[in-house]
Amino acid sequence: MLADISLTLAAGGFYVVTGGAGAGKTTLCNILALAEPPSGGRLMLFDCDPGALDRNARAALRRRIGVVFQDLRLVDRLSVKDNLALPLRIAGAAPRRIDGDVGELLAWIGLAERAQRPAAALSGSERRLLAVARAIVARPQLLIADEPLADLDDATTAGVVRVIEQVNRVGTTVLIATARDGFDGALVQRRYHLADGRLAPAGDAAVS
């Protein structure tokens, strides 16, 4: 359970929240991603109060956010290509744009040769890389990634870090929740540590 959380993300910023198992990282990510409502306090996203929006407006707000869930939430029966195309299809993108963006991103992350394989056939590292790619394919304004580096080998870790950092360089606001911080210190605007549901600037004892 989170307590006394106060967090402001500047547009285009890069934020890392560290913490151990059970610290509340997943709850924080789910609230910011509109996957679960806060039990108290106030959440504002893009100058909007999500709780005051109707269903359609809330869905439109949600499409401005890319999310890498800790459990990935890939559709195993679908191909790698179709998993990656899902956010664009939901957003109503034209088929030509879908084919172009998906093909380009598959090549960039090194999964082009596996495009027609079912997601269930990928290795654990490949699945996580696909989940990251799916979160950014629609060019979200905010990327939230819950443990994007979990259980990755060094090569895949480098690939995931490269993708996320490049997305930030072109203007996407990034928040990473992780027990394993491997991100470039020159890009990270602020680091926080979450323990027992309380958030503090990394290295500080006081709650932010």
C-alpha atoms as a PDB file:
ATOM      1  CA  MET A   1       0.000   0.000   0.000  1.00  0.00           C
ATOM      2  CA  LEU A   2       1.266   3.459  -0.907  1.00  0.00           C
ATOM      3  CA  ALA A   3       1.348   6.261   1.663  1.00  0.00           C
ATOM      4  CA  ASP A   4       1.889  10.018   1.390  1.00  0.00           C
ATOM      5  CA  ILE A   5       3.083   9.828  -2.213  1.00  0.00           C
ATOM      6  CA  SER A   6       3.778  13.148  -3.920  1.00  0.00           C
ATOM      7  CA  LEU A   7       5.254  12.878  -7.403  1.00  0.00           C
ATOM      8  CA  THR A   8       5.359  15.313 -10.307  1.00  0.00           C
ATOM      9  CA  LEU A   9       6.687  14.281 -13.723  1.00  0.00           C
ATOM     10  CA  ALA A  10       7.851  17.031 -16.075  1.00  0.00           C
ATOM     11  CA  ALA A  11       7.137  16.565 -19.780  1.00  0.00           C
ATOM     12  CA  GLY A  12      10.077  14.843 -21.451  1.00  0.00           C
ATOM     13  CA  GLY A  13      11.678  13.885 -18.147  1.00  0.00           C
ATOM     14  CA  PHE A  14      13.262  10.549 -17.218  1.00  0.00           C
ATOM     15  CA  TYR A  15      12.501   9.161 -13.759  1.00  0.00           C
ATOM     16  CA  VAL A  16      13.624   5.981 -12.023  1.00  0.00           C
ATOM     17  CA  VAL A  17      11.917   4.535  -8.956  1.00  0.00           C
ATOM     18  CA  THR A  18      13.883   1.801  -7.217  1.00  0.00           C
ATOM     19  CA  GLY A  19      12.706  -0.532  -4.490  1.00  0.00           C
ATOM     20  CA  GLY A  20      12.619  -4.138  -3.436  1.00  0.00           C
ATOM     21  CA  ALA A  21       9.832  -6.703  -3.753  1.00  0.00           C
ATOM     22  CA  GLY A  22       6.647  -5.542  -2.074  1.00  0.00           C
ATOM     23  CA  ALA A  23       7.739  -1.907  -1.892  1.00  0.00           C
ATOM     24  CA  GLY A  24       4.753  -0.698  -3.916  1.00  0.00           C
ATOM     25  CA  LYS A  25       6.359  -0.171  -7.340  1.00  0.00           C
ATOM     26  CA  THR A  26       3.712  -2.139  -9.233  1.00  0.00           C
ATOM     27  CA  THR A  27       0.874  -0.353  -7.431  1.00  0.00           C
ATOM     28  CA  LEU A  28       2.409   3.012  -8.328  1.00  0.00           C
ATOM     29  CA  CYS A  29       2.778   1.993 -11.981  1.00  0.00           C
ATOM     30  CA  ASN A  30      -0.781   0.647 -12.158  1.00  0.00           C
ATOM     31  CA  ILE A  31      -2.227   3.865 -10.755  1.00  0.00           C
ATOM     32  CA  LEU A  32      -0.255   6.041 -13.174  1.00  0.00           C
ATOM     33  CA  ALA A  33      -1.240   3.754 -16.060  1.00  0.00           C
ATOM     34  CA  LEU A  34      -4.943   3.973 -15.084  1.00  0.00           C
ATOM     35  CA  ALA A  35      -4.970   0.230 -14.493  1.00  0.00           C
ATOM     36  CA  GLU A  36      -6.276   0.743 -10.963  1.00  0.00           C
ATOM     37  CA  PRO A  37      -7.689   3.790  -9.173  1.00  0.00           C
ATOM     38  CA  PRO A  38      -5.963   5.434  -6.225  1.00  0.00           C
ATOM     39  CA  SER A  39      -7.699   4.788  -2.901  1.00  0.00           C
ATOM     40  CA  GLY A  40      -7.139   8.394  -1.886  1.00  0.00           C
ATOM     41  CA  GLY A  41      -5.523  11.634  -2.933  1.00  0.00           C
ATOM     42  CA  ARG A  42      -5.603  13.093  -6.418  1.00  0.00           C
ATOM     43  CA  LEU A  43      -4.152  11.922  -9.713  1.00  0.00           C
ATOM     44  CA  MET A  44      -3.666  14.342 -12.608  1.00  0.00           C
ATOM     45  CA  LEU A  45      -2.479  13.202 -16.037  1.00  0.00           C
ATOM     46  CA  PHE A  46      -1.848  15.665 -18.877  1.00  0.00           C
ATOM     47  CA  ASP A  47      -3.700  18.318 -16.848  1.00  0.00           C
ATOM     48  CA  CYS A  48      -6.761  16.069 -16.605  1.00  0.00           C
ATOM     49  CA  ASP A  49      -8.423  14.360 -13.662  1.00  0.00           C
ATOM     50  CA  PRO A  50      -9.025  10.813 -14.977  1.00  0.00           C
ATOM     51  CA  GLY A  51     -11.734  10.229 -12.392  1.00  0.00           C
ATOM     52  CA  ALA A  52     -13.824  13.039 -13.868  1.00  0.00           C
ATOM     53  CA  LEU A  53     -13.736  11.711 -17.441  1.00  0.00           C
ATOM     54  CA  ASP A  54     -16.338   9.586 -19.178  1.00  0.00           C
ATOM     55  CA  ARG A  55     -15.418   6.188 -20.590  1.00  0.00           C
ATOM     56  CA  ASN A  56     -14.442   7.418 -24.053  1.00  0.00           C
ATOM     57  CA  ALA A  57     -12.345  10.320 -22.785  1.00  0.00           C
ATOM     58  CA  ARG A  58     -10.614   8.036 -20.300  1.00  0.00           C
ATOM     59  CA  ALA A  59      -9.810   5.556 -23.081  1.00  0.00           C
ATOM     60  CA  ALA A  60      -8.382   8.383 -25.183  1.00  0.00           C
ATOM     61  CA  LEU A  61      -6.240   9.476 -22.240  1.00  0.00           C
ATOM     62  CA  ARG A  62      -5.056   5.917 -21.736  1.00  0.00           C
ATOM     63  CA  ARG A  63      -3.882   5.758 -25.359  1.00  0.00           C
ATOM     64  CA  ARG A  64      -1.391   8.532 -24.606  1.00  0.00           C
ATOM     65  CA  ILE A  65       0.370   6.172 -22.185  1.00  0.00           C
ATOM     66  CA  GLY A  66       2.589   3.224 -23.068  1.00  0.00           C
ATOM     67  CA  VAL A  67       2.928   0.561 -20.390  1.00  0.00           C
ATOM     68  CA  VAL A  68       5.316  -2.328 -19.836  1.00  0.00           C
ATOM     69  CA  PHE A  69       3.583  -4.457 -17.224  1.00  0.00           C
ATOM     70  CA  GLN A  70       5.670  -6.658 -14.967  1.00  0.00           C
ATOM     71  CA  ASP A  71       3.764  -9.730 -16.221  1.00  0.00           C
ATOM     72  CA  LEU A  72       4.123  -8.426 -19.840  1.00  0.00           C
ATOM     73  CA  ARG A  73       0.519  -9.249 -20.874  1.00  0.00           C
ATOM     74  CA  LEU A  74       1.420 -10.433 -24.355  1.00  0.00           C
ATOM     75  CA  VAL A  75      -1.216 -12.330 -26.340  1.00  0.00           C
ATOM     76  CA  ASP A  76       0.565 -15.652 -26.705  1.00  0.00           C
ATOM     77  CA  ARG A  77      -1.609 -17.004 -29.514  1.00  0.00           C
ATOM     78  CA  LEU A  78      -0.901 -13.973 -31.705  1.00  0.00           C
ATOM     79  CA  SER A  79       2.249 -13.524 -33.736  1.00  0.00           C
ATOM     80  CA  VAL A  80       5.042 -11.214 -32.685  1.00  0.00           C
ATOM     81  CA  LYS A  81       3.983  -8.827 -35.445  1.00  0.00           C
ATOM     82  CA  ASP A  82       0.318  -8.826 -34.395  1.00  0.00           C
ATOM     83  CA  ASN A  83       1.214  -8.266 -30.735  1.00  0.00           C
ATOM     84  CA  LEU A  84       3.253  -5.259 -31.731  1.00  0.00           C
ATOM     85  CA  ALA A  85       0.495  -3.937 -33.995  1.00  0.00           C
ATOM     86  CA  LEU A  86      -2.248  -4.118 -31.336  1.00  0.00           C
ATOM     87  CA  PRO A  87      -1.886  -0.581 -29.904  1.00  0.00           C
ATOM     88  CA  LEU A  88      -1.936   0.921 -33.402  1.00  0.00           C
ATOM     89  CA  ARG A  89      -5.016  -1.060 -34.411  1.00  0.00           C
ATOM     90  CA  ILE A  90      -6.831  -0.069 -31.222  1.00  0.00           C
ATOM     91  CA  ALA A  91      -5.988   3.561 -31.990  1.00  0.00           C
ATOM     92  CA  GLY A  92      -7.431   3.187 -35.490  1.00  0.00           C
ATOM     93  CA  ALA A  93      -4.162   3.735 -37.369  1.00  0.00           C
ATOM     94  CA  ALA A  94      -4.149   3.224 -41.127  1.00  0.00           C
ATOM     95  CA  PRO A  95      -2.885  -0.195 -42.323  1.00  0.00           C
ATOM     96  CA  ARG A  96       0.013   1.424 -44.194  1.00  0.00           C
ATOM     97  CA  ARG A  97       1.204   3.157 -41.032  1.00  0.00           C
ATOM     98  CA  ILE A  98       0.826  -0.048 -39.020  1.00  0.00           C
ATOM     99  CA  ASP A  99       2.901  -2.070 -41.481  1.00  0.00           C
ATOM    100  CA  GLY A 100       5.580   0.604 -41.682  1.00  0.00           C
ATOM    101  CA  ASP A 101       5.897   1.332 -37.974  1.00  0.00           C
ATOM    102  CA  VAL A 102       5.748  -2.317 -36.926  1.00  0.00           C
ATOM    103  CA  GLY A 103       8.280  -3.412 -39.533  1.00  0.00           C
ATOM    104  CA  GLU A 104      10.679  -0.636 -38.614  1.00  0.00           C
ATOM    105  CA  LEU A 105      10.452  -1.361 -34.894  1.00  0.00           C
ATOM    106  CA  LEU A 106      10.832  -5.120 -35.348  1.00  0.00           C
ATOM    107  CA  ALA A 107      14.037  -4.513 -37.287  1.00  0.00           C
ATOM    108  CA  TRP A 108      15.287  -2.074 -34.669  1.00  0.00           C
ATOM    109  CA  ILE A 109      14.819  -4.507 -31.767  1.00  0.00           C
ATOM    110  CA  GLY A 110      16.156  -7.483 -33.705  1.00  0.00           C
ATOM    111  CA  LEU A 111      12.943  -9.520 -33.917  1.00  0.00           C
ATOM    112  CA  ALA A 112      12.164  -9.096 -37.631  1.00  0.00           C
ATOM    113  CA  GLU A 113      13.024 -12.733 -38.396  1.00  0.00           C
ATOM    114  CA  ARG A 114      10.581 -13.856 -35.688  1.00  0.00           C
ATOM    115  CA  ALA A 115       7.722 -11.611 -36.817  1.00  0.00           C
ATOM    116  CA  GLN A 116       5.379 -14.460 -37.778  1.00  0.00           C
ATOM    117  CA  ARG A 117       6.102 -16.673 -34.781  1.00  0.00           C
ATOM    118  CA  PRO A 118       3.566 -16.811 -31.954  1.00  0.00           C
ATOM    119  CA  ALA A 119       4.621 -14.769 -28.965  1.00  0.00           C
ATOM    120  CA  ALA A 120       4.530 -17.969 -26.900  1.00  0.00           C
ATOM    121  CA  ALA A 121       7.524 -19.259 -28.897  1.00  0.00           C
ATOM    122  CA  LEU A 122       9.834 -16.430 -27.836  1.00  0.00           C
ATOM    123  CA  SER A 123      12.422 -16.707 -25.109  1.00  0.00           C
ATOM    124  CA  GLY A 124      11.882 -14.819 -21.857  1.00  0.00           C
ATOM    125  CA  SER A 125      14.291 -12.077 -22.921  1.00  0.00           C
ATOM    126  CA  GLU A 126      12.636 -11.735 -26.329  1.00  0.00           C
ATOM    127  CA  ARG A 127       9.199 -11.518 -24.735  1.00  0.00           C
ATOM    128  CA  ARG A 128      10.286  -8.644 -22.510  1.00  0.00           C
ATOM    129  CA  LEU A 129      11.855  -6.854 -25.466  1.00  0.00           C
ATOM    130  CA  LEU A 130       8.596  -7.295 -27.406  1.00  0.00           C
ATOM    131  CA  ALA A 131       6.602  -5.908 -24.471  1.00  0.00           C
ATOM    132  CA  VAL A 132       8.794  -2.806 -24.404  1.00  0.00           C
ATOM    133  CA  ALA A 133       8.422  -2.361 -28.167  1.00  0.00           C
ATOM    134  CA  ARG A 134       4.628  -2.746 -27.952  1.00  0.00           C
ATOM    135  CA  ALA A 135       4.530  -0.036 -25.281  1.00  0.00           C
ATOM    136  CA  ILE A 136       6.267   2.504 -27.535  1.00  0.00           C
ATOM    137  CA  VAL A 137       5.003   1.623 -31.021  1.00  0.00           C
ATOM    138  CA  ALA A 138       2.154   4.152 -30.827  1.00  0.00           C
ATOM    139  CA  ARG A 139       4.600   6.893 -29.770  1.00  0.00           C
ATOM    140  CA  PRO A 140       3.089   7.592 -26.343  1.00  0.00           C
ATOM    141  CA  GLN A 141       3.634  10.811 -24.458  1.00  0.00           C
ATOM    142  CA  LEU A 142       4.285   8.875 -21.251  1.00  0.00           C
ATOM    143  CA  LEU A 143       6.029   5.501 -20.914  1.00  0.00           C
ATOM    144  CA  ILE A 144       5.639   3.565 -17.661  1.00  0.00           C
ATOM    145  CA  ALA A 145       7.769   0.435 -17.330  1.00  0.00           C
ATOM    146  CA  ASP A 146       7.482  -1.929 -14.361  1.00  0.00           C
ATOM    147  CA  GLU A 147      10.679  -3.990 -13.993  1.00  0.00           C
ATOM    148  CA  PRO A 148      11.650  -3.793 -17.691  1.00  0.00           C
ATOM    149  CA  LEU A 149      15.102  -5.297 -16.971  1.00  0.00           C
ATOM    150  CA  ALA A 150      13.967  -8.258 -14.860  1.00  0.00           C
ATOM    151  CA  ASP A 151      15.608 -11.598 -15.683  1.00  0.00           C
ATOM    152  CA  LEU A 152      17.411 -10.318 -18.784  1.00  0.00           C
ATOM    153  CA  ASP A 153      20.835 -11.303 -20.015  1.00  0.00           C
ATOM    154  CA  ASP A 154      23.404  -8.566 -20.558  1.00  0.00           C
ATOM    155  CA  ALA A 155      22.820  -8.287 -24.305  1.00  0.00           C
ATOM    156  CA  THR A 156      19.044  -7.936 -23.993  1.00  0.00           C
ATOM    157  CA  THR A 157      19.405  -5.531 -21.075  1.00  0.00           C
ATOM    158  CA  ALA A 158      21.535  -3.301 -23.279  1.00  0.00           C
ATOM    159  CA  GLY A 159      18.912  -3.475 -26.023  1.00  0.00           C
ATOM    160  CA  VAL A 160      16.018  -2.591 -23.716  1.00  0.00           C
ATOM    161  CA  VAL A 161      17.957   0.282 -22.157  1.00  0.00           C
ATOM    162  CA  ARG A 162      18.865   1.600 -25.616  1.00  0.00           C
ATOM    163  CA  VAL A 163      15.237   1.523 -26.791  1.00  0.00           C
ATOM    164  CA  ILE A 164      13.854   3.271 -23.700  1.00  0.00           C
ATOM    165  CA  GLU A 165      16.572   5.914 -23.633  1.00  0.00           C
ATOM    166  CA  GLN A 166      16.067   6.674 -27.322  1.00  0.00           C
ATOM    167  CA  VAL A 167      12.320   7.083 -26.802  1.00  0.00           C
ATOM    168  CA  ASN A 168      13.057   9.603 -24.062  1.00  0.00           C
ATOM    169  CA  ARG A 169      15.468  11.503 -26.298  1.00  0.00           C
ATOM    170  CA  VAL A 170      12.668  12.180 -28.781  1.00  0.00           C
ATOM    171  CA  GLY A 171      10.412  13.629 -26.100  1.00  0.00           C
ATOM    172  CA  THR A 172       8.517  10.851 -24.325  1.00  0.00           C
ATOM    173  CA  THR A 173       8.314  11.182 -20.559  1.00  0.00           C
ATOM    174  CA  VAL A 174       9.648   7.981 -18.958  1.00  0.00           C
ATOM    175  CA  LEU A 175       9.084   6.454 -15.539  1.00  0.00           C
ATOM    176  CA  ILE A 176      10.914   3.224 -14.729  1.00  0.00           C
ATOM    177  CA  ALA A 177      10.131   1.154 -11.639  1.00  0.00           C
ATOM    178  CA  THR A 178      12.938  -1.288 -11.023  1.00  0.00           C
ATOM    179  CA  ALA A 179      15.033  -3.186  -8.548  1.00  0.00           C
ATOM    180  CA  ARG A 180      17.859  -3.100 -11.087  1.00  0.00           C
ATOM    181  CA  ASP A 181      18.849   0.392 -12.226  1.00  0.00           C
ATOM    182  CA  GLY A 182      20.864   0.222 -15.444  1.00  0.00           C
ATOM    183  CA  PHE A 183      19.953   3.565 -16.986  1.00  0.00           C
ATOM    184  CA  ASP A 184      22.281   6.365 -18.061  1.00  0.00           C
ATOM    185  CA  GLY A 185      22.802   8.846 -15.264  1.00  0.00           C
ATOM    186  CA  ALA A 186      23.103  11.671 -17.776  1.00  0.00           C
ATOM    187  CA  LEU A 187      19.505  11.096 -18.929  1.00  0.00           C
ATOM    188  CA  VAL A 188      17.792  10.400 -15.619  1.00  0.00           C
ATOM    189  CA  GLN A 189      16.259  13.610 -14.294  1.00  0.00           C
ATOM    190  CA  ARG A 190      15.429  12.249 -10.854  1.00  0.00           C
ATOM    191  CA  ARG A 191      15.824   9.004  -8.950  1.00  0.00           C
ATOM    192  CA  TYR A 192      13.494   7.979  -6.140  1.00  0.00           C
ATOM    193  CA  HIS A 193      13.452   5.061  -3.738  1.00  0.00           C
ATOM    194  CA  LEU A 194      10.234   3.374  -2.653  1.00  0.00           C
ATOM    195  CA  ALA A 195      10.137   1.421   0.606  1.00  0.00           C
ATOM    196  CA  ASP A 196       7.105   0.314   2.630  1.00  0.00           C
ATOM    197  CA  GLY A 197       4.888   2.337   0.317  1.00  0.00           C
ATOM    198  CA  ARG A 198       6.744   5.601   0.935  1.00  0.00           C
ATOM    199  CA  LEU A 199       8.623   7.501  -1.745  1.00  0.00           C
ATOM    200  CA  ALA A 200      11.782   9.513  -1.134  1.00  0.00           C
ATOM    201  CA  PRO A 201      14.476  11.008  -3.365  1.00  0.00           C
ATOM    202  CA  ALA A 202      17.208   8.388  -3.716  1.00  0.00           C
ATOM    203  CA  GLY A 203      19.667   8.726  -0.873  1.00  0.00           C
ATOM    204  CA  ASP A 204      17.293  10.783   1.279  1.00  0.00           C
ATOM    205  CA  ALA A 205      15.335   9.626   4.274  1.00  0.00           C
ATOM    206  CA  ALA A 206      12.507  12.136   4.049  1.00  0.00           C
ATOM    207  CA  VAL A 207       9.345  11.413   2.106  1.00  0.00           C
ATOM    208  CA  SER A 208       8.972  13.523  -1.034  1.00  0.00           C
END
